[in-house]
């Protein structure tokens, strides 16, 4: 190669690969055009050293030579990062954004994890972690989980997953190990280290009797992972991310949202602006939460950082559930139950809950009670206008608890194959207006809670004793001594929901235990 030809070419060294490219061609990329124009190459060698993903960099070089590119999920984030670094056409970044957010599903989690960083375009590592944590119980029931690379499983299991029990993480690990046991058993110890044993419910220590734990002689190892008191890495109890939430309407533009712990101690007390332009994407930033309320008929999206929120009615809430279903390719194990009950002869309504990664759809229509567990959102009728919704409901453990407009209180067990039995429970012996009532449950203990909006009284039904009791009063006081008056606001809901500790952190009033 003569010196003239060499002078007209640029040597690019990217990791282990070398490329000799025409300077005229490489000038199509603004980064190199500026470099050549200002003659800032390393020494006189016409050489540039880079450190980018080799496959994606080759795609960019082929693009400038052939004027053609095929965007795929296995390089789209790296592509966007490079396009931004090289100052390339904004259309490429826009096309990448559209492609990614239109096509991303749970099947791509491993591929995307290998590309994201804390500052990457399209989605950063914090937002992806938030998606995984929020939908972990769905994800572990996908084909992706069974095919997952060991590094991905190890990464996921150490996150602050939104779970009600560490046993759920153990079950997910066992499911993955069993799929290819002889090959995957080498990772068993590492995976067990990602279970936060300090936070394991004592009832779930049956894990020591698990056949795989015993066959691999891991009982002693599990006992040594955590000493339960000192030198423990279980610094965040991810099983305690279920909180009580009150939403108050201050005016047509503002809502006050409070987050309370299991003892009704306030953690968050902030005013949020209603904003119908708030995105409903399934991959929001890490400081965004979705809360379902009004007995599974409404949803609110909360951006804790921007102090904005968006309310969704039943139709839009169901539509959002469908979007999630399309992104998480979960195997549906739908259980359908139905019964005819005179107890609900004059009761109608719809409720859609999400419990342990499953959609629970309850429909009551004048005596006919239908319940679908793990139903596809696409099969749920979003047009509930013909129902009057004259019952309120909540789910605790494996039971739905229902209160009708005449304050009758009943329950039945869900996720059963046979016709279910509706059990009548003790009625609260206190006159109340049904329209003022909110029913919810505390996942941390065996209690169902009822709040009377007109009085702000809080009542508790203890599942164990089967008794009602009044346990408190929800009141806002102005702390100023010269005022002393209660603040006036309309209570839209009192409910419970899983909220990511990381999401609500910008608004925390006190340090979490």
Protein backbone atom coordinates (compact mmCIF):
# COMPACT_ATOMS: atom_id res chain seq x y z
CA UNK A 1 0.00 0.00 0.00
CA UNK A 2 1.62 3.30 -1.09
CA UNK A 3 1.82 6.38 1.15
CA UNK A 4 -0.87 8.26 -0.79
CA UNK A 5 -3.38 5.49 -0.24
CA UNK A 6 -2.41 5.26 3.44
CA UNK A 7 -2.85 8.99 3.91
CA UNK A 8 -6.39 8.72 2.57
CA UNK A 9 -7.33 6.04 5.07
CA UNK A 10 -7.98 6.06 8.79
CA UNK A 11 -6.96 3.19 11.03
CA UNK A 12 -9.59 2.58 13.72
CA UNK A 13 -8.71 0.22 16.55
CA UNK A 14 -11.79 -0.79 18.50
CA UNK A 15 -10.97 -3.29 21.22
CA UNK A 16 -9.59 -6.37 19.42
CA UNK A 17 -10.58 -5.28 15.90
CA UNK A 18 -8.82 -3.03 13.40
CA UNK A 19 -10.46 -1.28 10.45
CA UNK A 20 -8.91 0.75 7.62
CA UNK A 21 -11.56 3.09 6.29
CA UNK A 22 -11.58 5.82 3.71
CA UNK A 23 -11.41 9.24 5.36
CA UNK A 24 -13.97 10.50 2.89
CA UNK A 25 -16.39 7.78 4.00
CA UNK A 26 -15.80 8.10 7.74
CA UNK A 27 -16.47 11.86 7.53
CA UNK A 28 -20.18 10.93 7.33
CA UNK A 29 -19.94 10.53 11.09
CA UNK A 30 -19.72 14.00 12.74
CA UNK A 31 -17.29 12.82 15.42
CA UNK A 32 -14.71 11.75 12.82
CA UNK A 33 -15.41 14.67 10.51
CA UNK A 34 -14.57 17.08 13.32
CA UNK A 35 -11.50 15.06 14.26
CA UNK A 36 -10.16 15.07 10.70
CA UNK A 37 -10.99 18.71 10.15
CA UNK A 38 -9.05 19.79 13.23
CA UNK A 39 -6.27 17.23 12.71
CA UNK A 40 -6.40 15.78 16.23
CA UNK A 41 -5.41 12.23 15.34
CA UNK A 42 -2.97 10.36 17.55
CA UNK A 43 0.57 11.37 16.43
CA UNK A 44 0.95 11.14 12.67
CA UNK A 45 -0.32 7.59 12.33
CA UNK A 46 -3.84 8.35 11.09
CA UNK A 47 -5.01 6.17 13.96
CA UNK A 48 -7.95 6.29 16.38
CA UNK A 49 -8.40 3.99 19.39
CA UNK A 50 -11.96 3.34 20.63
CA UNK A 51 -13.63 1.12 23.20
CA UNK A 52 -17.13 0.25 21.99
CA UNK A 53 -19.10 -2.95 21.54
CA UNK A 54 -17.47 -4.55 18.51
CA UNK A 55 -20.61 -5.93 16.90
CA UNK A 56 -22.48 -2.63 17.10
CA UNK A 57 -19.53 -0.59 15.87
CA UNK A 58 -19.27 -2.86 12.82
CA UNK A 59 -22.99 -2.26 12.16
CA UNK A 60 -22.35 1.49 12.10
CA UNK A 61 -19.41 1.11 9.71
CA UNK A 62 -21.50 -1.07 7.39
CA UNK A 63 -24.29 1.51 7.55
CA UNK A 64 -22.15 4.44 6.38
CA UNK A 65 -20.80 2.29 3.56
CA UNK A 66 -24.08 0.68 2.40
CA UNK A 67 -26.67 3.24 3.57
CA UNK A 68 -28.65 0.41 5.15
CA UNK A 69 -29.16 -0.81 8.69
CA UNK A 70 -31.35 -3.40 10.44
CA UNK A 71 -32.03 -2.45 14.06
CA UNK A 72 -32.34 -5.41 16.43
CA UNK A 73 -32.85 -5.78 20.17
CA UNK A 74 -29.41 -7.34 20.73
CA UNK A 75 -27.65 -4.08 19.81
CA UNK A 76 -30.24 -1.27 19.87
CA UNK A 77 -29.11 0.26 23.18
CA UNK A 78 -25.41 0.09 22.28
CA UNK A 79 -26.32 1.57 18.90
CA UNK A 80 -28.09 4.50 20.52
CA UNK A 81 -25.20 5.11 22.91
CA UNK A 82 -22.72 5.20 20.02
CA UNK A 83 -24.96 7.35 17.84
CA UNK A 84 -25.16 9.88 20.66
CA UNK A 85 -21.41 9.79 21.30
CA UNK A 86 -20.58 10.21 17.61
CA UNK A 87 -23.12 13.05 17.19
CA UNK A 88 -25.00 11.17 14.48
CA UNK A 89 -28.39 11.92 12.96
CA UNK A 90 -31.15 12.31 15.58
CA UNK A 91 -33.43 10.23 13.35
CA UNK A 92 -31.38 7.14 14.21
CA UNK A 93 -31.92 7.72 17.93
CA UNK A 94 -35.63 8.36 17.36
CA UNK A 95 -36.02 5.20 15.27
CA UNK A 96 -34.14 3.21 17.91
CA UNK A 97 -36.40 4.62 20.65
CA UNK A 98 -39.55 3.72 18.70
CA UNK A 99 -38.29 0.23 17.89
CA UNK A 100 -37.22 -0.53 21.45
CA UNK A 101 -40.36 0.65 23.23
CA UNK A 102 -42.64 -0.96 20.66
CA UNK A 103 -40.95 -4.36 20.64
CA UNK A 104 -39.45 -4.91 24.10
CA UNK A 105 -40.83 -7.97 25.95
CA UNK A 106 -39.71 -10.04 28.92
CA UNK A 107 -37.89 -12.32 26.44
CA UNK A 108 -35.36 -9.51 25.86
CA UNK A 109 -34.41 -8.87 29.50
CA UNK A 110 -31.13 -10.79 29.32
CA UNK A 111 -30.14 -9.14 26.03
CA UNK A 112 -30.95 -5.66 27.33
CA UNK A 113 -29.21 -6.24 30.69
CA UNK A 114 -25.94 -6.83 28.85
CA UNK A 115 -26.19 -3.39 27.20
CA UNK A 116 -27.62 -0.99 29.79
CA UNK A 117 -25.67 1.33 32.05
CA UNK A 118 -26.77 3.97 34.54
CA UNK A 119 -26.64 6.57 31.73
CA UNK A 120 -27.60 4.57 28.63
CA UNK A 121 -30.16 5.90 26.17
CA UNK A 122 -33.62 4.35 25.61
CA UNK A 123 -33.58 2.78 29.07
CA UNK A 124 -31.04 2.92 31.87
CA UNK A 125 -30.14 0.20 34.34
CA UNK A 126 -32.24 1.74 37.15
CA UNK A 127 -35.41 1.78 35.03
CA UNK A 128 -34.83 -1.80 33.84
CA UNK A 129 -34.21 -2.94 37.42
CA UNK A 130 -37.48 -1.26 38.46
CA UNK A 131 -39.38 -3.13 35.73
CA UNK A 132 -37.86 -6.45 36.81
CA UNK A 133 -38.58 -5.81 40.50
CA UNK A 134 -42.17 -4.73 39.83
CA UNK A 135 -42.99 -7.73 37.62
CA UNK A 136 -40.71 -10.40 39.11
CA UNK A 137 -43.56 -12.77 40.02
CA UNK A 138 -44.82 -12.63 36.42
CA UNK A 139 -41.36 -12.95 34.89
CA UNK A 140 -40.54 -16.19 36.74
CA UNK A 141 -43.55 -17.80 35.06
CA UNK A 142 -42.33 -17.04 31.54
CA UNK A 143 -40.35 -19.24 29.17
CA UNK A 144 -37.61 -16.59 29.40
CA UNK A 145 -36.97 -17.51 33.04
CA UNK A 146 -36.41 -21.18 32.26
CA UNK A 147 -34.00 -20.29 29.42
CA UNK A 148 -32.29 -17.52 31.37
CA UNK A 149 -28.48 -17.32 31.51
CA UNK A 150 -27.03 -17.95 34.97
CA UNK A 151 -25.58 -14.43 35.21
CA UNK A 152 -29.01 -12.94 34.54
CA UNK A 153 -30.70 -15.11 37.19
CA UNK A 154 -28.00 -14.21 39.72
CA UNK A 155 -28.40 -10.53 38.90
CA UNK A 156 -32.20 -10.56 39.19
CA UNK A 157 -32.32 -12.46 42.48
CA UNK A 158 -30.18 -9.87 44.28
CA UNK A 159 -32.45 -6.93 43.39
CA UNK A 160 -34.98 -5.32 45.76
CA UNK A 161 -37.75 -7.45 44.28
CA UNK A 162 -41.38 -6.65 45.12
CA UNK A 163 -42.31 -9.85 46.91
CA UNK A 164 -44.38 -10.79 49.93
CA UNK A 165 -42.02 -13.58 51.00
CA UNK A 166 -38.41 -14.61 50.42
CA UNK A 167 -39.83 -18.06 49.79
CA UNK A 168 -41.05 -16.75 46.41
CA UNK A 169 -37.42 -16.14 45.42
CA UNK A 170 -36.50 -19.64 46.60
CA UNK A 171 -39.30 -21.12 44.47
CA UNK A 172 -38.10 -19.19 41.41
CA UNK A 173 -34.55 -20.46 41.93
CA UNK A 174 -35.73 -24.07 42.28
CA UNK A 175 -37.81 -23.75 39.10
CA UNK A 176 -34.78 -22.50 37.14
CA UNK A 177 -32.40 -25.13 38.60
CA UNK A 178 -34.75 -28.05 37.89
CA UNK A 179 -35.05 -27.13 34.21
CA UNK A 180 -31.44 -28.23 33.54
CA UNK A 181 -30.37 -29.63 36.87
CA UNK A 182 -27.09 -31.37 36.00
CA UNK A 183 -25.70 -28.25 34.35
CA UNK A 184 -27.21 -25.61 36.65
CA UNK A 185 -26.65 -27.18 40.07
CA UNK A 186 -23.18 -25.58 40.12
CA UNK A 187 -24.91 -22.20 40.63
CA UNK A 188 -27.14 -23.38 43.48
CA UNK A 189 -24.97 -22.04 46.32
CA UNK A 190 -24.52 -18.65 44.66
CA UNK A 191 -28.25 -18.32 44.13
CA UNK A 192 -29.09 -19.31 47.69
CA UNK A 193 -26.81 -16.49 48.87
CA UNK A 194 -29.19 -14.05 47.16
CA UNK A 195 -32.06 -15.08 49.42
CA UNK A 196 -32.29 -12.74 52.41
CA UNK A 197 -32.63 -15.40 55.06
CA UNK A 198 -33.01 -12.89 57.90
CA UNK A 199 -36.32 -11.88 56.35
CA UNK A 200 -37.60 -15.39 55.67
CA UNK A 201 -40.87 -16.18 57.43
CA UNK A 202 -40.23 -18.97 60.00
CA UNK A 203 -43.09 -20.95 58.45
CA UNK A 204 -41.10 -21.12 55.21
CA UNK A 205 -38.01 -22.78 56.61
CA UNK A 206 -39.41 -25.97 55.11
CA UNK A 207 -36.88 -25.10 52.40
CA UNK A 208 -34.44 -27.20 54.40
CA UNK A 209 -36.59 -30.22 53.56
CA UNK A 210 -36.48 -29.47 49.84
CA UNK A 211 -35.14 -32.45 47.91
CA UNK A 212 -32.61 -30.39 45.94
CA UNK A 213 -31.27 -28.66 49.04
CA UNK A 214 -30.82 -32.01 50.75
CA UNK A 215 -29.44 -33.83 47.71
CA UNK A 216 -26.71 -31.23 47.28
CA UNK A 217 -25.95 -31.21 51.02
CA UNK A 218 -26.74 -27.50 51.29
CA UNK A 219 -28.60 -27.47 54.62
CA UNK A 220 -25.50 -26.53 56.60
CA UNK A 221 -24.45 -24.03 53.94
CA UNK A 222 -27.83 -22.25 54.10
CA UNK A 223 -27.55 -22.04 57.88
CA UNK A 224 -24.15 -20.36 57.54
CA UNK A 225 -25.16 -17.73 54.97
CA UNK A 226 -26.68 -15.43 57.55
CA UNK A 227 -26.23 -15.30 61.31
CA UNK A 228 -29.58 -13.47 61.62
CA UNK A 229 -28.11 -10.81 63.91
CA UNK A 230 -24.62 -9.53 63.18
CA UNK A 231 -22.58 -9.11 60.01
CA UNK A 232 -25.70 -9.58 57.93
CA UNK A 233 -26.13 -8.40 54.35
CA UNK A 234 -29.94 -8.44 54.58
CA UNK A 235 -29.99 -4.67 55.05
CA UNK A 236 -33.21 -4.16 53.11
CA UNK A 237 -36.30 -6.24 53.85
CA UNK A 238 -37.83 -6.50 50.39
CA UNK A 239 -40.85 -8.36 51.83
CA UNK A 240 -41.96 -5.14 53.55
CA UNK A 241 -42.65 -2.99 50.49
CA UNK A 242 -46.43 -3.14 50.96
CA UNK A 243 -47.79 0.13 52.30
CA UNK A 244 -51.08 1.85 53.04
CA UNK A 245 -51.87 4.80 50.80
CA UNK A 246 -54.36 7.64 51.15
CA UNK A 247 -55.19 9.92 48.24
CA UNK A 248 -56.97 13.20 48.97
CA UNK A 249 -58.39 15.65 46.46
CA UNK A 250 -57.32 19.19 47.39
CA UNK A 251 -58.71 20.88 44.26
CA UNK A 252 -59.22 20.10 40.58
CA UNK A 253 -55.47 20.11 39.91
CA UNK A 254 -53.84 18.76 43.07
CA UNK A 255 -53.89 15.53 45.06
CA UNK A 256 -52.26 14.88 48.41
CA UNK A 257 -50.76 11.40 48.58
CA UNK A 258 -49.67 9.83 51.84
CA UNK A 259 -47.79 6.59 52.30
CA UNK A 260 -48.14 4.88 55.69
CA UNK A 261 -46.31 1.89 57.10
CA UNK A 262 -48.06 -1.11 58.66
CA UNK A 263 -48.47 0.85 61.91
CA UNK A 264 -50.03 3.83 60.07
CA UNK A 265 -46.92 5.95 60.63
CA UNK A 266 -46.50 8.39 57.69
CA UNK A 267 -43.51 7.89 55.42
CA UNK A 268 -44.59 10.22 52.60
CA UNK A 269 -46.89 13.25 52.66
CA UNK A 270 -46.72 15.22 49.40
CA UNK A 271 -48.91 17.24 47.05
CA UNK A 272 -48.91 16.00 43.44
CA UNK A 273 -50.09 17.73 40.29
CA UNK A 274 -52.62 15.89 38.15
CA UNK A 275 -51.12 15.55 34.67
CA UNK A 276 -52.93 13.65 31.91
CA UNK A 277 -49.81 13.89 29.74
CA UNK A 278 -47.83 11.63 32.10
CA UNK A 279 -46.66 8.69 30.01
CA UNK A 280 -48.30 5.29 30.53
CA UNK A 281 -45.36 3.37 29.12
CA UNK A 282 -44.64 -0.05 30.62
CA UNK A 283 -40.97 0.91 31.15
CA UNK A 284 -41.19 4.12 33.17
CA UNK A 285 -38.36 5.66 35.17
CA UNK A 286 -37.41 4.00 38.45
CA UNK A 287 -39.20 6.67 40.52
CA UNK A 288 -42.65 5.87 39.04
CA UNK A 289 -45.26 3.64 40.72
CA UNK A 290 -48.70 2.31 39.77
CA UNK A 291 -51.35 1.97 42.46
CA UNK A 292 -54.67 0.19 41.87
CA UNK A 293 -57.56 1.33 44.07
CA UNK A 294 -61.36 1.53 44.35
CA UNK A 295 -61.67 -2.26 44.66
CA UNK A 296 -59.66 -2.93 41.49
CA UNK A 297 -61.50 -0.42 39.29
CA UNK A 298 -59.09 2.51 39.04
CA UNK A 299 -55.37 3.13 38.86
CA UNK A 300 -53.11 6.06 39.57
CA UNK A 301 -49.61 6.45 38.14
CA UNK A 302 -47.35 8.44 40.47
CA UNK A 303 -44.07 10.08 39.55
CA UNK A 304 -42.47 10.57 42.96
CA UNK A 305 -39.61 12.67 41.60
CA UNK A 306 -41.56 15.09 39.41
CA UNK A 307 -44.47 15.25 41.91
CA UNK A 308 -46.97 14.41 39.17
CA UNK A 309 -49.71 11.81 38.89
CA UNK A 310 -52.31 10.54 36.44
CA UNK A 311 -55.67 8.93 37.24
CA UNK A 312 -57.09 6.10 35.11
CA UNK A 313 -60.69 4.90 35.07
CA UNK A 314 -61.63 1.23 34.69
CA UNK A 315 -61.40 1.07 30.88
CA UNK A 316 -57.93 2.65 30.73
CA UNK A 317 -56.77 0.57 33.69
CA UNK A 318 -57.75 -2.68 31.92
CA UNK A 319 -56.13 -1.36 28.73
CA UNK A 320 -52.91 -0.82 30.68
CA UNK A 321 -53.10 -4.40 32.03
CA UNK A 322 -53.27 -5.57 28.41
CA UNK A 323 -50.11 -3.62 27.58
CA UNK A 324 -48.29 -5.36 30.44
CA UNK A 325 -49.58 -8.75 29.28
CA UNK A 326 -48.20 -8.14 25.79
CA UNK A 327 -44.77 -7.28 27.18
CA UNK A 328 -44.51 -10.16 29.65
CA UNK A 329 -45.08 -13.39 27.76
CA UNK A 330 -46.36 -15.30 30.75
CA UNK A 331 -47.90 -18.76 30.65
CA UNK A 332 -51.52 -18.35 31.72
CA UNK A 333 -52.83 -20.97 34.15
CA UNK A 334 -56.37 -19.63 34.24
CA UNK A 335 -58.66 -21.07 36.89
CA UNK A 336 -62.36 -20.28 36.41
CA UNK A 337 -64.83 -20.49 39.25
CA UNK A 338 -68.54 -19.76 39.23
CA UNK A 339 -71.49 -20.12 41.52
CA UNK A 340 -75.04 -18.86 41.87
CA UNK A 341 -75.72 -17.25 45.22
CA UNK A 342 -78.87 -15.70 46.63
CA UNK A 343 -76.57 -13.64 48.85
CA UNK A 344 -75.66 -11.58 45.77
CA UNK A 345 -79.10 -11.56 44.13
CA UNK A 346 -79.14 -7.76 43.91
CA UNK A 347 -75.41 -7.18 43.53
CA UNK A 348 -73.50 -6.22 40.37
CA UNK A 349 -69.97 -5.10 39.63
CA UNK A 350 -66.47 -5.83 38.34
CA UNK A 351 -63.07 -5.87 40.03
CA UNK A 352 -59.60 -6.58 38.60
CA UNK A 353 -56.75 -7.17 41.05
CA UNK A 354 -53.14 -8.19 40.63
CA UNK A 355 -51.95 -10.65 43.28
CA UNK A 356 -48.65 -12.56 43.25
CA UNK A 357 -48.15 -11.95 39.55
CA UNK A 358 -51.69 -13.00 38.58
CA UNK A 359 -54.69 -10.98 37.42
CA UNK A 360 -57.78 -11.84 39.46
CA UNK A 361 -61.04 -10.85 37.76
CA UNK A 362 -64.23 -10.84 39.85
CA UNK A 363 -67.60 -10.29 38.20
CA UNK A 364 -70.93 -10.35 40.06
CA UNK A 365 -74.19 -10.02 38.14
CA UNK A 366 -77.37 -10.42 40.16
CA UNK A 367 -76.59 -13.71 41.84
CA UNK A 368 -74.05 -15.11 39.39
CA UNK A 369 -70.54 -14.86 40.79
CA UNK A 370 -67.66 -15.44 38.34
CA UNK A 371 -63.99 -15.40 39.26
CA UNK A 372 -61.02 -15.88 36.96
CA UNK A 373 -57.54 -16.33 38.44
CA UNK A 374 -54.57 -15.62 36.17
CA UNK A 375 -56.80 -14.46 33.33
CA UNK A 376 -55.41 -12.86 30.17
CA UNK A 377 -56.14 -9.12 30.30
CA UNK A 378 -57.26 -9.32 26.67
CA UNK A 379 -60.25 -11.41 27.81
CA UNK A 380 -61.44 -8.86 30.39
CA UNK A 381 -64.28 -6.62 29.24
CA UNK A 382 -63.12 -3.04 29.75
CA UNK A 383 -66.59 -1.56 29.19
CA UNK A 384 -68.01 -1.75 32.71
CA UNK A 385 -70.45 1.13 32.25
CA UNK A 386 -73.41 -1.25 32.41
CA UNK A 387 -72.42 -2.27 35.94
CA UNK A 388 -73.26 -0.15 38.94
CA UNK A 389 -70.55 -1.61 41.17
CA UNK A 390 -72.54 -1.99 44.36
CA UNK A 391 -69.90 -3.96 46.23
CA UNK A 392 -66.37 -3.29 47.45
CA UNK A 393 -63.70 -5.97 47.65
CA UNK A 394 -60.13 -6.78 48.58
CA UNK A 395 -57.84 -9.81 48.43
CA UNK A 396 -55.84 -11.21 51.33
CA UNK A 397 -53.77 -14.35 50.87
CA UNK A 398 -56.03 -16.79 48.96
CA UNK A 399 -59.36 -15.16 49.76
CA UNK A 400 -61.51 -12.41 48.28
CA UNK A 401 -63.43 -10.39 50.87
CA UNK A 402 -66.60 -8.66 49.66
CA UNK A 403 -68.86 -6.09 51.31
CA UNK A 404 -72.19 -5.36 49.60
CA UNK A 405 -74.17 -2.12 49.61
CA UNK A 406 -76.25 -3.41 52.54
CA UNK A 407 -72.96 -3.97 54.44
CA UNK A 408 -73.12 -7.77 54.31
CA UNK A 409 -69.59 -9.16 54.55
CA UNK A 410 -68.57 -12.39 52.78
CA UNK A 411 -65.55 -14.27 51.50
CA UNK A 412 -64.53 -17.16 49.28
CA UNK A 413 -61.26 -18.83 48.35
CA UNK A 414 -59.84 -18.10 44.90
CA UNK A 415 -57.72 -20.16 42.51
CA UNK A 416 -59.79 -23.31 43.04
CA UNK A 417 -60.88 -25.74 40.34
CA UNK A 418 -64.28 -26.58 41.76
CA UNK A 419 -67.30 -24.42 42.54
CA UNK A 420 -66.44 -22.25 45.49
CA UNK A 421 -68.25 -21.80 48.77
CA UNK A 422 -69.25 -18.30 49.82
CA UNK A 423 -68.84 -17.86 53.57
CA UNK A 424 -70.79 -15.26 55.51
CA UNK A 425 -68.68 -13.29 57.98
CA UNK A 426 -69.58 -11.14 60.95
CA UNK A 427 -71.21 -7.89 59.92
CA UNK A 428 -69.92 -4.62 61.34
CA UNK A 429 -72.64 -3.49 63.72
CA UNK A 430 -72.41 0.21 63.05
CA UNK A 431 -74.63 2.28 60.74
CA UNK A 432 -72.64 3.58 57.76
CA UNK A 433 -73.24 4.87 54.25
CA UNK A 434 -71.91 2.35 51.71
CA UNK A 435 -70.80 5.15 49.36
CA UNK A 436 -68.37 6.39 52.03
CA UNK A 437 -66.52 3.10 52.52
CA UNK A 438 -63.10 1.85 51.40
CA UNK A 439 -62.07 -1.78 51.87
CA UNK A 440 -58.46 -2.95 51.76
CA UNK A 441 -56.12 -5.44 53.41
CA UNK A 442 -52.71 -5.48 55.03
CA UNK A 443 -50.43 -8.07 53.49
CA UNK A 444 -48.19 -8.08 56.56
CA UNK A 445 -50.81 -9.63 58.82
CA UNK A 446 -54.22 -11.29 58.78
CA UNK A 447 -56.34 -8.17 58.74
CA UNK A 448 -58.90 -6.51 56.48
CA UNK A 449 -59.39 -2.76 56.92
CA UNK A 450 -62.48 -0.62 56.39
CA UNK A 451 -62.35 3.19 56.33
CA UNK A 452 -65.44 5.40 56.65
CA UNK A 453 -64.79 8.52 54.60
CA UNK A 454 -67.45 10.56 56.42
CA UNK A 455 -65.90 10.06 59.86
CA UNK A 456 -62.36 8.91 58.90
CA UNK A 457 -62.78 6.01 61.34
CA UNK A 458 -60.62 2.95 60.62
CA UNK A 459 -62.05 -0.49 61.41
CA UNK A 460 -60.18 -3.78 61.36
CA UNK A 461 -61.48 -7.30 60.74
CA UNK A 462 -59.15 -9.87 62.26
CA UNK A 463 -59.14 -13.00 60.10
CA UNK A 464 -58.03 -15.18 63.00
CA UNK A 465 -60.60 -14.05 65.58
CA UNK A 466 -63.30 -13.19 63.01
CA UNK A 467 -64.03 -9.96 64.90
CA UNK A 468 -64.35 -6.30 63.94
CA UNK A 469 -62.77 -3.51 66.00
CA UNK A 470 -62.21 0.22 65.60
CA UNK A 471 -58.47 0.87 65.59
CA UNK A 472 -57.96 4.51 64.67
CA UNK A 473 -58.95 7.81 63.13
CA UNK A 474 -57.43 9.45 60.03
CA UNK A 475 -57.31 13.23 60.57
CA UNK A 476 -55.30 16.11 59.12
CA UNK A 477 -54.39 18.88 61.55
CA UNK A 478 -52.64 22.13 60.84
CA UNK A 479 -49.59 22.20 63.11
CA UNK A 480 -49.78 25.99 63.53
CA UNK A 481 -50.92 26.81 67.11
CA UNK A 482 -52.96 29.80 65.98
CA UNK A 483 -55.11 27.68 63.70
CA UNK A 484 -55.92 24.33 65.28
CA UNK A 485 -58.53 23.54 62.61
CA UNK A 486 -58.75 20.33 60.65
CA UNK A 487 -57.76 20.65 57.01
CA UNK A 488 -60.59 20.06 54.59
CA UNK A 489 -60.07 17.60 51.73
CA UNK A 490 -61.95 14.85 49.94
CA UNK A 491 -60.60 11.36 50.56
CA UNK A 492 -60.50 9.55 47.21
CA UNK A 493 -59.21 6.27 48.59
CA UNK A 494 -57.56 4.37 51.38
CA UNK A 495 -55.81 1.34 49.93
CA UNK A 496 -52.68 -0.78 50.14
CA UNK A 497 -50.11 -1.41 47.43
CA UNK A 498 -46.59 -2.61 46.76
CA UNK A 499 -44.29 0.38 46.31
CA UNK A 500 -40.63 0.10 45.47
CA UNK A 501 -38.45 1.43 48.27
CA UNK A 502 -36.20 2.98 45.61
CA UNK A 503 -39.17 4.67 43.90
CA UNK A 504 -40.53 6.50 46.94
CA UNK A 505 -37.11 7.43 48.33
CA UNK A 506 -37.20 11.02 46.91
CA UNK A 507 -40.29 11.73 49.03
CA UNK A 508 -39.47 9.93 52.27
CA UNK A 509 -40.09 11.92 55.42
CA UNK A 510 -38.10 9.57 57.63
CA UNK A 511 -35.59 6.79 57.27
CA UNK A 512 -36.98 3.31 56.66
CA UNK A 513 -36.13 0.60 59.17
